[in-house]
Amino acid sequence: MDWEKTSVKITLQNKEKYGDKKIHVAFNDIGSNPEVTQINLFIAGITDLLEEGTTITNVEVLKIEKLAK
């Protein structure tokens, strides 16, 4: 099997902003060989989500593979 793409789901919690609720943010279709620019955009996206008081409570990584025919 070959690695096709990966999805990352990040769970965030911020009592002031979301109360007792948690939010889930998904980053989909992360390719198997990302370029430096793509990695920097991914990091910037995560950084933008982290405001004062926000905590990452869970990170789920889903690896999608190609099945051989």
PDB file of N, CA and C in Angstrom:
ATOM      1  N   MET A   1       0.835  -1.197   0.000  1.00  0.00           N
ATOM      2  CA  MET A   1       0.000   0.000   0.000  1.00  0.00           C
ATOM      3  C   MET A   1       0.868   1.244   0.000  1.00  0.00           C
ATOM      4  N   ASP A   2       0.423   2.230  -0.743  1.00  0.00           N
ATOM      5  CA  ASP A   2       1.116   3.518  -0.797  1.00  0.00           C
ATOM      6  C   ASP A   2       0.318   4.564  -0.035  1.00  0.00           C
ATOM      7  N   TRP A   3       1.047   5.449   0.631  1.00  0.00           N
ATOM      8  CA  TRP A   3       0.405   6.544   1.343  1.00  0.00           C
ATOM      9  C   TRP A   3      -0.120   7.536   0.329  1.00  0.00           C
ATOM     10  N   GLU A   4      -1.411   7.824   0.364  1.00  0.00           N
ATOM     11  CA  GLU A   4      -2.022   8.743  -0.579  1.00  0.00           C
ATOM     12  C   GLU A   4      -2.127  10.146   0.011  1.00  0.00           C
ATOM     13  N   LYS A   5      -2.719  10.245   1.190  1.00  0.00           N
ATOM     14  CA  LYS A   5      -2.890  11.539   1.851  1.00  0.00           C
ATOM     15  C   LYS A   5      -3.190  11.308   3.323  1.00  0.00           C
ATOM     16  N   THR A   6      -3.182  12.391   4.079  1.00  0.00           N
ATOM     17  CA  THR A   6      -3.447  12.335   5.510  1.00  0.00           C
ATOM     18  C   THR A   6      -4.398  13.466   5.883  1.00  0.00           C
ATOM     19  N   SER A   7      -5.271  13.198   6.832  1.00  0.00           N
ATOM     20  CA  SER A   7      -6.142  14.216   7.408  1.00  0.00           C
ATOM     21  C   SER A   7      -5.793  14.348   8.884  1.00  0.00           C
ATOM     22  N   VAL A   8      -5.835  15.576   9.388  1.00  0.00           N
ATOM     23  CA  VAL A   8      -5.548  15.841  10.793  1.00  0.00           C
ATOM     24  C   VAL A   8      -6.739  16.591  11.387  1.00  0.00           C
ATOM     25  N   LYS A   9      -7.288  16.059  12.477  1.00  0.00           N
ATOM     26  CA  LYS A   9      -8.394  16.727  13.172  1.00  0.00           C
ATOM     27  C   LYS A   9      -7.886  17.165  14.542  1.00  0.00           C
ATOM     28  N   ILE A  10      -7.996  18.467  14.812  1.00  0.00           N
ATOM     29  CA  ILE A  10      -7.512  19.041  16.068  1.00  0.00           C
ATOM     30  C   ILE A  10      -8.716  19.492  16.890  1.00  0.00           C
ATOM     31  N   THR A  11      -8.747  19.095  18.158  1.00  0.00           N
ATOM     32  CA  THR A  11      -9.813  19.500  19.067  1.00  0.00           C
ATOM     33  C   THR A  11      -9.282  20.597  19.978  1.00  0.00           C
ATOM     34  N   LEU A  12     -10.040  21.698  20.044  1.00  0.00           N
ATOM     35  CA  LEU A  12      -9.638  22.868  20.831  1.00  0.00           C
ATOM     36  C   LEU A  12     -10.677  23.163  21.906  1.00  0.00           C
ATOM     37  N   GLN A  13     -10.197  23.719  23.016  1.00  0.00           N
ATOM     38  CA  GLN A  13     -11.094  24.121  24.102  1.00  0.00           C
ATOM     39  C   GLN A  13     -10.646  25.479  24.613  1.00  0.00           C
ATOM     40  N   ASN A  14     -11.630  26.367  24.822  1.00  0.00           N
ATOM     41  CA  ASN A  14     -11.375  27.692  25.381  1.00  0.00           C
ATOM     42  C   ASN A  14     -12.621  28.087  26.159  1.00  0.00           C
ATOM     43  N   LYS A  15     -12.552  28.015  27.480  1.00  0.00           N
ATOM     44  CA  LYS A  15     -13.724  28.261  28.342  1.00  0.00           C
ATOM     45  C   LYS A  15     -14.349  29.634  28.073  1.00  0.00           C
ATOM     46  N   GLU A  16     -13.517  30.670  27.905  1.00  0.00           N
ATOM     47  CA  GLU A  16     -14.047  32.017  27.675  1.00  0.00           C
ATOM     48  C   GLU A  16     -14.762  32.121  26.337  1.00  0.00           C
ATOM     49  N   LYS A  17     -14.201  31.522  25.314  1.00  0.00           N
ATOM     50  CA  LYS A  17     -14.737  31.674  23.963  1.00  0.00           C
ATOM     51  C   LYS A  17     -15.827  30.661  23.628  1.00  0.00           C
ATOM     52  N   TYR A  18     -15.669  29.395  24.050  1.00  0.00           N
ATOM     53  CA  TYR A  18     -16.590  28.336  23.659  1.00  0.00           C
ATOM     54  C   TYR A  18     -17.397  27.764  24.819  1.00  0.00           C
ATOM     55  N   GLY A  19     -17.171  28.245  26.037  1.00  0.00           N
ATOM     56  CA  GLY A  19     -17.861  27.677  27.199  1.00  0.00           C
ATOM     57  C   GLY A  19     -17.374  26.256  27.445  1.00  0.00           C
ATOM     58  N   ASP A  20     -18.312  25.347  27.689  1.00  0.00           N
ATOM     59  CA  ASP A  20     -17.943  23.945  27.930  1.00  0.00           C
ATOM     60  C   ASP A  20     -17.808  23.142  26.634  1.00  0.00           C
ATOM     61  N   LYS A  21     -18.070  23.789  25.504  1.00  0.00           N
ATOM     62  CA  LYS A  21     -17.995  23.090  24.221  1.00  0.00           C
ATOM     63  C   LYS A  21     -16.554  23.011  23.721  1.00  0.00           C
ATOM     64  N   LYS A  22     -16.315  22.043  22.875  1.00  0.00           N
ATOM     65  CA  LYS A  22     -15.030  21.916  22.200  1.00  0.00           C
ATOM     66  C   LYS A  22     -15.276  22.109  20.715  1.00  0.00           C
ATOM     67  N   ILE A  23     -14.286  22.645  20.007  1.00  0.00           N
ATOM     68  CA  ILE A  23     -14.425  22.757  18.564  1.00  0.00           C
ATOM     69  C   ILE A  23     -13.413  21.820  17.905  1.00  0.00           C
ATOM     70  N   HIS A  24     -13.789  21.378  16.721  1.00  0.00           N
ATOM     71  CA  HIS A  24     -12.937  20.475  15.957  1.00  0.00           C
ATOM     72  C   HIS A  24     -12.587  21.159  14.642  1.00  0.00           C
ATOM     73  N   VAL A  25     -11.326  21.213  14.318  1.00  0.00           N
ATOM     74  CA  VAL A  25     -10.861  21.801  13.074  1.00  0.00           C
ATOM     75  C   VAL A  25     -10.132  20.716  12.296  1.00  0.00           C
ATOM     76  N   ALA A  26     -10.519  20.546  11.032  1.00  0.00           N
ATOM     77  CA  ALA A  26      -9.916  19.499  10.215  1.00  0.00           C
ATOM     78  C   ALA A  26      -9.021  20.106   9.139  1.00  0.00           C
ATOM     79  N   PHE A  27      -7.881  19.506   8.960  1.00  0.00           N
ATOM     80  CA  PHE A  27      -6.975  19.816   7.857  1.00  0.00           C
ATOM     81  C   PHE A  27      -6.970  18.563   6.987  1.00  0.00           C
ATOM     82  N   ASN A  28      -7.527  18.673   5.786  1.00  0.00           N
ATOM     83  CA  ASN A  28      -7.705  17.498   4.932  1.00  0.00           C
ATOM     84  C   ASN A  28      -6.747  17.494   3.750  1.00  0.00           C
ATOM     85  N   ASP A  29      -6.589  16.337   3.163  1.00  0.00           N
ATOM     86  CA  ASP A  29      -5.818  16.154   1.933  1.00  0.00           C
ATOM     87  C   ASP A  29      -4.365  16.619   2.055  1.00  0.00           C
ATOM     88  N   ILE A  30      -3.735  16.298   3.168  1.00  0.00           N
ATOM     89  CA  ILE A  30      -2.315  16.601   3.333  1.00  0.00           C
ATOM     90  C   ILE A  30      -1.553  15.551   2.540  1.00  0.00           C
ATOM     91  N   GLY A  31      -0.842  15.969   1.526  1.00  0.00           N
ATOM     92  CA  GLY A  31      -0.158  15.049   0.619  1.00  0.00           C
ATOM     93  C   GLY A  31       1.029  14.360   1.259  1.00  0.00           C
ATOM     94  N   SER A  32       1.522  13.340   0.586  1.00  0.00           N
ATOM     95  CA  SER A  32       2.603  12.520   1.149  1.00  0.00           C
ATOM     96  C   SER A  32       3.963  13.212   1.112  1.00  0.00           C
ATOM     97  N   ASN A  33       4.156  14.179   0.245  1.00  0.00           N
ATOM     98  CA  ASN A  33       5.443  14.886   0.151  1.00  0.00           C
ATOM     99  C   ASN A  33       5.216  16.395   0.133  1.00  0.00           C
ATOM    100  N   PRO A  34       4.792  16.979   1.257  1.00  0.00           N
ATOM    101  CA  PRO A  34       4.508  18.417   1.261  1.00  0.00           C
ATOM    102  C   PRO A  34       5.774  19.245   1.078  1.00  0.00           C
ATOM    103  N   GLU A  35       5.611  20.372   0.410  1.00  0.00           N
ATOM    104  CA  GLU A  35       6.718  21.306   0.222  1.00  0.00           C
ATOM    105  C   GLU A  35       6.822  22.194   1.459  1.00  0.00           C
ATOM    106  N   VAL A  36       7.933  22.874   1.594  1.00  0.00           N
ATOM    107  CA  VAL A  36       8.170  23.753   2.747  1.00  0.00           C
ATOM    108  C   VAL A  36       7.057  24.795   2.855  1.00  0.00           C
ATOM    109  N   THR A  37       6.623  25.349   1.737  1.00  0.00           N
ATOM    110  CA  THR A  37       5.549  26.352   1.748  1.00  0.00           C
ATOM    111  C   THR A  37       4.270  25.769   2.334  1.00  0.00           C
ATOM    112  N   GLN A  38       3.945  24.538   1.962  1.00  0.00           N
ATOM    113  CA  GLN A  38       2.737  23.895   2.478  1.00  0.00           C
ATOM    114  C   GLN A  38       2.847  23.635   3.980  1.00  0.00           C
ATOM    115  N   ILE A  39       4.010  23.214   4.426  1.00  0.00           N
ATOM    116  CA  ILE A  39       4.225  22.980   5.863  1.00  0.00           C
ATOM    117  C   ILE A  39       4.085  24.291   6.626  1.00  0.00           C
ATOM    118  N   ASN A  40       4.643  25.363   6.097  1.00  0.00           N
ATOM    119  CA  ASN A  40       4.544  26.670   6.756  1.00  0.00           C
ATOM    120  C   ASN A  40       3.098  27.143   6.832  1.00  0.00           C
ATOM    121  N   LEU A  41       2.306  26.906   5.774  1.00  0.00           N
ATOM    122  CA  LEU A  41       0.889  27.281   5.799  1.00  0.00           C
ATOM    123  C   LEU A  41       0.117  26.466   6.834  1.00  0.00           C
ATOM    124  N   PHE A  42       0.439  25.195   6.959  1.00  0.00           N
ATOM    125  CA  PHE A  42      -0.192  24.329   7.952  1.00  0.00           C
ATOM    126  C   PHE A  42       0.108  24.848   9.359  1.00  0.00           C
ATOM    127  N   ILE A  43       1.367  25.159   9.622  1.00  0.00           N
ATOM    128  CA  ILE A  43       1.768  25.683  10.939  1.00  0.00           C
ATOM    129  C   ILE A  43       1.085  27.017  11.212  1.00  0.00           C
ATOM    130  N   ALA A  44       1.008  27.879  10.200  1.00  0.00           N
ATOM    131  CA  ALA A  44       0.346  29.178  10.369  1.00  0.00           C
ATOM    132  C   ALA A  44      -1.136  28.989  10.690  1.00  0.00           C
ATOM    133  N   GLY A  45      -1.779  28.000  10.052  1.00  0.00           N
ATOM    134  CA  GLY A  45      -3.187  27.724  10.334  1.00  0.00           C
ATOM    135  C   GLY A  45      -3.413  27.291  11.767  1.00  0.00           C
ATOM    136  N   ILE A  46      -2.544  26.442  12.260  1.00  0.00           N
ATOM    137  CA  ILE A  46      -2.651  25.994  13.654  1.00  0.00           C
ATOM    138  C   ILE A  46      -2.373  27.157  14.606  1.00  0.00           C
ATOM    139  N   THR A  47      -1.356  27.943  14.315  1.00  0.00           N
ATOM    140  CA  THR A  47      -0.997  29.077  15.167  1.00  0.00           C
ATOM    141  C   THR A  47      -2.137  30.081  15.258  1.00  0.00           C
ATOM    142  N   ASP A  48      -2.831  30.323  14.137  1.00  0.00           N
ATOM    143  CA  ASP A  48      -3.960  31.254  14.136  1.00  0.00           C
ATOM    144  C   ASP A  48      -5.091  30.783  15.046  1.00  0.00           C
ATOM    145  N   LEU A  49      -5.234  29.478  15.213  1.00  0.00           N
ATOM    146  CA  LEU A  49      -6.292  28.931  16.069  1.00  0.00           C
ATOM    147  C   LEU A  49      -5.985  29.094  17.557  1.00  0.00           C
ATOM    148  N   LEU A  50      -4.717  29.223  17.899  1.00  0.00           N
ATOM    149  CA  LEU A  50      -4.321  29.256  19.303  1.00  0.00           C
ATOM    150  C   LEU A  50      -4.317  30.679  19.848  1.00  0.00           C
ATOM    151  N   GLU A  51      -5.467  31.074  20.363  1.00  0.00           N
ATOM    152  CA  GLU A  51      -5.583  32.364  21.024  1.00  0.00           C
ATOM    153  C   GLU A  51      -5.256  32.178  22.501  1.00  0.00           C
ATOM    154  N   GLU A  52      -5.143  33.276  23.211  1.00  0.00           N
ATOM    155  CA  GLU A  52      -4.894  33.188  24.649  1.00  0.00           C
ATOM    156  C   GLU A  52      -6.027  32.410  25.310  1.00  0.00           C
ATOM    157  N   GLY A  53      -5.677  31.411  26.091  1.00  0.00           N
ATOM    158  CA  GLY A  53      -6.667  30.595  26.787  1.00  0.00           C
ATOM    159  C   GLY A  53      -7.116  29.366  26.019  1.00  0.00           C
ATOM    160  N   THR A  54      -6.680  29.213  24.774  1.00  0.00           N
ATOM    161  CA  THR A  54      -7.072  28.051  23.977  1.00  0.00           C
ATOM    162  C   THR A  54      -6.085  26.913  24.202  1.00  0.00           C
ATOM    163  N   THR A  55      -6.627  25.724  24.370  1.00  0.00           N
ATOM    164  CA  THR A  55      -5.821  24.532  24.600  1.00  0.00           C
ATOM    165  C   THR A  55      -6.152  23.494  23.540  1.00  0.00           C
ATOM    166  N   ILE A  56      -5.125  22.846  23.017  1.00  0.00           N
ATOM    167  CA  ILE A  56      -5.345  21.701  22.140  1.00  0.00           C
ATOM    168  C   ILE A  56      -5.554  20.501  23.052  1.00  0.00           C
ATOM    169  N   THR A  57      -6.741  19.883  22.950  1.00  0.00           N
ATOM    170  CA  THR A  57      -7.040  18.758  23.835  1.00  0.00           C
ATOM    171  C   THR A  57      -6.861  17.403  23.152  1.00  0.00           C
ATOM    172  N   ASN A  58      -6.864  17.390  21.816  1.00  0.00           N
ATOM    173  CA  ASN A  58      -6.713  16.119  21.108  1.00  0.00           C
ATOM    174  C   ASN A  58      -6.273  16.382  19.670  1.00  0.00           C
ATOM    175  N   VAL A  59      -5.450  15.496  19.145  1.00  0.00           N
ATOM    176  CA  VAL A  59      -5.068  15.530  17.737  1.00  0.00           C
ATOM    177  C   VAL A  59      -5.258  14.120  17.184  1.00  0.00           C
ATOM    178  N   GLU A  60      -6.036  14.029  16.118  1.00  0.00           N
ATOM    179  CA  GLU A  60      -6.309  12.741  15.483  1.00  0.00           C
ATOM    180  C   GLU A  60      -5.742  12.778  14.067  1.00  0.00           C
ATOM    181  N   VAL A  61      -4.924  11.799  13.732  1.00  0.00           N
ATOM    182  CA  VAL A  61      -4.314  11.721  12.412  1.00  0.00           C
ATOM    183  C   VAL A  61      -4.884  10.504  11.692  1.00  0.00           C
ATOM    184  N   LEU A  62      -5.417  10.729  10.498  1.00  0.00           N
ATOM    185  CA  LEU A  62      -5.975   9.649   9.697  1.00  0.00           C
ATOM    186  C   LEU A  62      -5.138   9.523   8.427  1.00  0.00           C
ATOM    187  N   LYS A  63      -4.491   8.389   8.299  1.00  0.00           N
ATOM    188  CA  LYS A  63      -3.647   8.118   7.132  1.00  0.00           C
ATOM    189  C   LYS A  63      -4.466   7.328   6.117  1.00  0.00           C
ATOM    190  N   ILE A  64      -4.531   7.837   4.884  1.00  0.00           N
ATOM    191  CA  ILE A  64      -5.302   7.194   3.833  1.00  0.00           C
ATOM    192  C   ILE A  64      -4.309   6.550   2.859  1.00  0.00           C
ATOM    193  N   GLU A  65      -4.498   5.270   2.630  1.00  0.00           N
ATOM    194  CA  GLU A  65      -3.574   4.532   1.776  1.00  0.00           C
ATOM    195  C   GLU A  65      -4.274   4.050   0.514  1.00  0.00           C
ATOM    196  N   LYS A  66      -3.514   3.926  -0.560  1.00  0.00           N
ATOM    197  CA  LYS A  66      -4.027   3.352  -1.799  1.00  0.00           C
ATOM    198  C   LYS A  66      -3.935   1.834  -1.686  1.00  0.00           C
ATOM    199  N   LEU A  67      -4.977   1.172  -2.071  1.00  0.00           N
ATOM    200  CA  LEU A  67      -4.958  -0.286  -2.082  1.00  0.00           C
ATOM    201  C   LEU A  67      -4.492  -0.749  -3.459  1.00  0.00           C
ATOM    202  N   ALA A  68      -3.653  -1.738  -3.470  1.00  0.00           N
ATOM    203  CA  ALA A  68      -3.177  -2.294  -4.733  1.00  0.00           C
ATOM    204  C   ALA A  68      -4.307  -3.048  -5.411  1.00  0.00           C
ATOM    205  N   LYS A  69      -4.367  -2.917  -6.716  1.00  0.00           N
ATOM    206  CA  LYS A  69      -5.435  -3.626  -7.478  1.00  0.00           C
ATOM    207  C   LYS A  69      -4.876  -4.862  -8.099  1.00  0.00           C
TER     208      LYS A  69
END
